[in-house]
Amino acid sequence: MGLDNKIDNASEQVAGKVKEGVGRATDDERLEAEGRQEQASGHLKQAGEKIKDMFRS
């Protein structure tokens, strides 16, 4: 897995976690849901990269 992809996926997960926390703190359900969606997207991309790496080996 390329370092750039690892960083991008991790930053997407962190940004999602922050959005979710801010949404929860401000009682903004939409922002909270958007944060959860970003986290899931980051996890999914990371899993896809790991699968690609398995086939490259």
N, C-alpha and C. Protein backbone atom coordinates (compact mmCIF):
# COMPACT_ATOMS: atom_id res chain seq x y z
N MET A 1 0.85 -1.16 0.00
CA MET A 1 0.00 0.00 0.00
C MET A 1 0.90 1.22 0.00
N GLY A 2 0.65 2.13 -0.92
CA GLY A 2 1.47 3.32 -1.02
C GLY A 2 1.29 4.22 0.17
N LEU A 3 2.37 4.89 0.53
CA LEU A 3 2.33 5.78 1.68
C LEU A 3 1.33 6.90 1.49
N ASP A 4 1.25 7.42 0.27
CA ASP A 4 0.27 8.49 -0.01
C ASP A 4 -1.15 8.02 0.26
N ASN A 5 -1.46 6.81 -0.18
CA ASN A 5 -2.81 6.27 0.03
C ASN A 5 -3.09 6.05 1.51
N LYS A 6 -2.08 5.58 2.25
CA LYS A 6 -2.25 5.36 3.68
C LYS A 6 -2.57 6.68 4.38
N ILE A 7 -1.84 7.71 4.00
CA ILE A 7 -2.03 9.02 4.62
C ILE A 7 -3.40 9.58 4.25
N ASP A 8 -3.77 9.47 2.99
CA ASP A 8 -5.08 9.97 2.55
C ASP A 8 -6.23 9.26 3.28
N ASN A 9 -6.14 7.95 3.37
CA ASN A 9 -7.20 7.18 4.04
C ASN A 9 -7.26 7.50 5.52
N ALA A 10 -6.10 7.61 6.14
CA ALA A 10 -6.08 7.93 7.58
C ALA A 10 -6.61 9.34 7.83
N SER A 11 -6.26 10.28 6.97
CA SER A 11 -6.73 11.64 7.17
C SER A 11 -8.24 11.73 6.96
N GLU A 12 -8.76 10.93 6.03
CA GLU A 12 -10.21 10.91 5.82
C GLU A 12 -10.92 10.35 7.05
N GLN A 13 -10.33 9.33 7.65
CA GLN A 13 -10.93 8.75 8.85
C GLN A 13 -10.89 9.74 10.01
N VAL A 14 -9.78 10.43 10.16
CA VAL A 14 -9.64 11.41 11.25
C VAL A 14 -10.61 12.57 11.04
N ALA A 15 -10.70 13.06 9.81
CA ALA A 15 -11.62 14.16 9.52
C ALA A 15 -13.05 13.74 9.82
N GLY A 16 -13.39 12.52 9.49
CA GLY A 16 -14.73 12.00 9.78
C GLY A 16 -14.98 11.91 11.27
N LYS A 17 -13.97 11.49 12.01
CA LYS A 17 -14.11 11.38 13.46
C LYS A 17 -14.33 12.77 14.08
N VAL A 18 -13.60 13.76 13.57
CA VAL A 18 -13.75 15.13 14.07
C VAL A 18 -15.15 15.65 13.74
N LYS A 19 -15.58 15.45 12.50
CA LYS A 19 -16.92 15.90 12.11
C LYS A 19 -18.00 15.24 12.96
N GLU A 20 -17.83 13.96 13.20
CA GLU A 20 -18.82 13.25 14.01
C GLU A 20 -18.86 13.84 15.42
N GLY A 21 -17.70 14.11 15.99
CA GLY A 21 -17.63 14.67 17.34
C GLY A 21 -18.23 16.07 17.41
N VAL A 22 -17.94 16.91 16.41
CA VAL A 22 -18.50 18.25 16.37
C VAL A 22 -20.01 18.19 16.19
N GLY A 23 -20.45 17.29 15.34
CA GLY A 23 -21.88 17.12 15.13
C GLY A 23 -22.59 16.69 16.40
N ARG A 24 -21.96 15.79 17.13
CA ARG A 24 -22.54 15.33 18.39
C ARG A 24 -22.57 16.47 19.42
N ALA A 25 -21.48 17.24 19.48
CA ALA A 25 -21.38 18.32 20.47
C ALA A 25 -22.37 19.45 20.17
N THR A 26 -22.61 19.70 18.88
CA THR A 26 -23.51 20.80 18.50
C THR A 26 -24.93 20.31 18.22
N ASP A 27 -25.15 19.03 18.42
CA ASP A 27 -26.46 18.42 18.18
C ASP A 27 -26.89 18.57 16.71
N ASP A 28 -25.90 18.45 15.82
CA ASP A 28 -26.14 18.54 14.37
C ASP A 28 -26.09 17.12 13.81
N GLU A 29 -27.25 16.52 13.64
CA GLU A 29 -27.32 15.13 13.19
C GLU A 29 -26.74 14.94 11.80
N ARG A 30 -26.92 15.93 10.94
CA ARG A 30 -26.41 15.83 9.57
C ARG A 30 -24.88 15.78 9.56
N LEU A 31 -24.25 16.65 10.34
CA LEU A 31 -22.79 16.68 10.41
C LEU A 31 -22.26 15.39 11.03
N GLU A 32 -22.95 14.91 12.03
CA GLU A 32 -22.56 13.67 12.68
C GLU A 32 -22.62 12.50 11.69
N ALA A 33 -23.69 12.43 10.92
CA ALA A 33 -23.84 11.37 9.92
C ALA A 33 -22.79 11.50 8.82
N GLU A 34 -22.49 12.73 8.43
CA GLU A 34 -21.47 12.96 7.41
C GLU A 34 -20.11 12.47 7.91
N GLY A 35 -19.83 12.70 9.19
CA GLY A 35 -18.58 12.22 9.78
C GLY A 35 -18.49 10.71 9.79
N ARG A 36 -19.59 10.06 10.15
CA ARG A 36 -19.59 8.59 10.13
C ARG A 36 -19.39 8.06 8.72
N GLN A 37 -19.98 8.75 7.74
CA GLN A 37 -19.84 8.33 6.35
C GLN A 37 -18.39 8.48 5.89
N GLU A 38 -17.74 9.57 6.26
CA GLU A 38 -16.33 9.75 5.88
C GLU A 38 -15.45 8.69 6.51
N GLN A 39 -15.72 8.35 7.75
CA GLN A 39 -14.93 7.31 8.41
C GLN A 39 -15.10 5.98 7.70
N ALA A 40 -16.32 5.64 7.36
CA ALA A 40 -16.59 4.38 6.67
C ALA A 40 -15.91 4.36 5.31
N SER A 41 -15.94 5.49 4.62
CA SER A 41 -15.31 5.58 3.32
C SER A 41 -13.80 5.37 3.44
N GLY A 42 -13.20 5.98 4.43
CA GLY A 42 -11.77 5.81 4.65
C GLY A 42 -11.41 4.37 4.96
N HIS A 43 -12.22 3.71 5.78
CA HIS A 43 -11.98 2.31 6.12
C HIS A 43 -12.13 1.43 4.88
N LEU A 44 -13.12 1.71 4.07
CA LEU A 44 -13.36 0.92 2.85
C LEU A 44 -12.20 1.07 1.87
N LYS A 45 -11.73 2.30 1.69
CA LYS A 45 -10.60 2.53 0.78
C LYS A 45 -9.35 1.83 1.28
N GLN A 46 -9.15 1.87 2.59
CA GLN A 46 -7.99 1.21 3.17
C GLN A 46 -8.06 -0.30 2.94
N ALA A 47 -9.24 -0.86 3.09
CA ALA A 47 -9.41 -2.30 2.86
C ALA A 47 -9.14 -2.64 1.40
N GLY A 48 -9.61 -1.79 0.49
CA GLY A 48 -9.36 -2.00 -0.93
C GLY A 48 -7.88 -1.97 -1.26
N GLU A 49 -7.15 -1.05 -0.64
CA GLU A 49 -5.71 -0.97 -0.86
C GLU A 49 -5.00 -2.22 -0.34
N LYS A 50 -5.45 -2.74 0.79
CA LYS A 50 -4.84 -3.96 1.34
C LYS A 50 -5.09 -5.15 0.43
N ILE A 51 -6.27 -5.22 -0.16
CA ILE A 51 -6.57 -6.30 -1.10
C ILE A 51 -5.68 -6.20 -2.34
N LYS A 52 -5.52 -4.98 -2.84
CA LYS A 52 -4.64 -4.78 -4.00
C LYS A 52 -3.22 -5.21 -3.67
N ASP A 53 -2.75 -4.88 -2.47
CA ASP A 53 -1.41 -5.26 -2.06
C ASP A 53 -1.24 -6.78 -1.98
N MET A 54 -2.30 -7.48 -1.55
CA MET A 54 -2.22 -8.93 -1.47
C MET A 54 -2.02 -9.53 -2.86
N PHE A 55 -2.65 -8.98 -3.87
CA PHE A 55 -2.53 -9.53 -5.21
C PHE A 55 -1.23 -9.13 -5.89
N ARG A 56 -0.60 -8.06 -5.42
CA ARG A 56 0.69 -7.64 -5.98
C ARG A 56 1.83 -8.52 -5.52
N SER A 57 1.66 -9.13 -4.34
CA SER A 57 2.75 -9.94 -3.76
C SER A 57 3.01 -11.20 -4.51
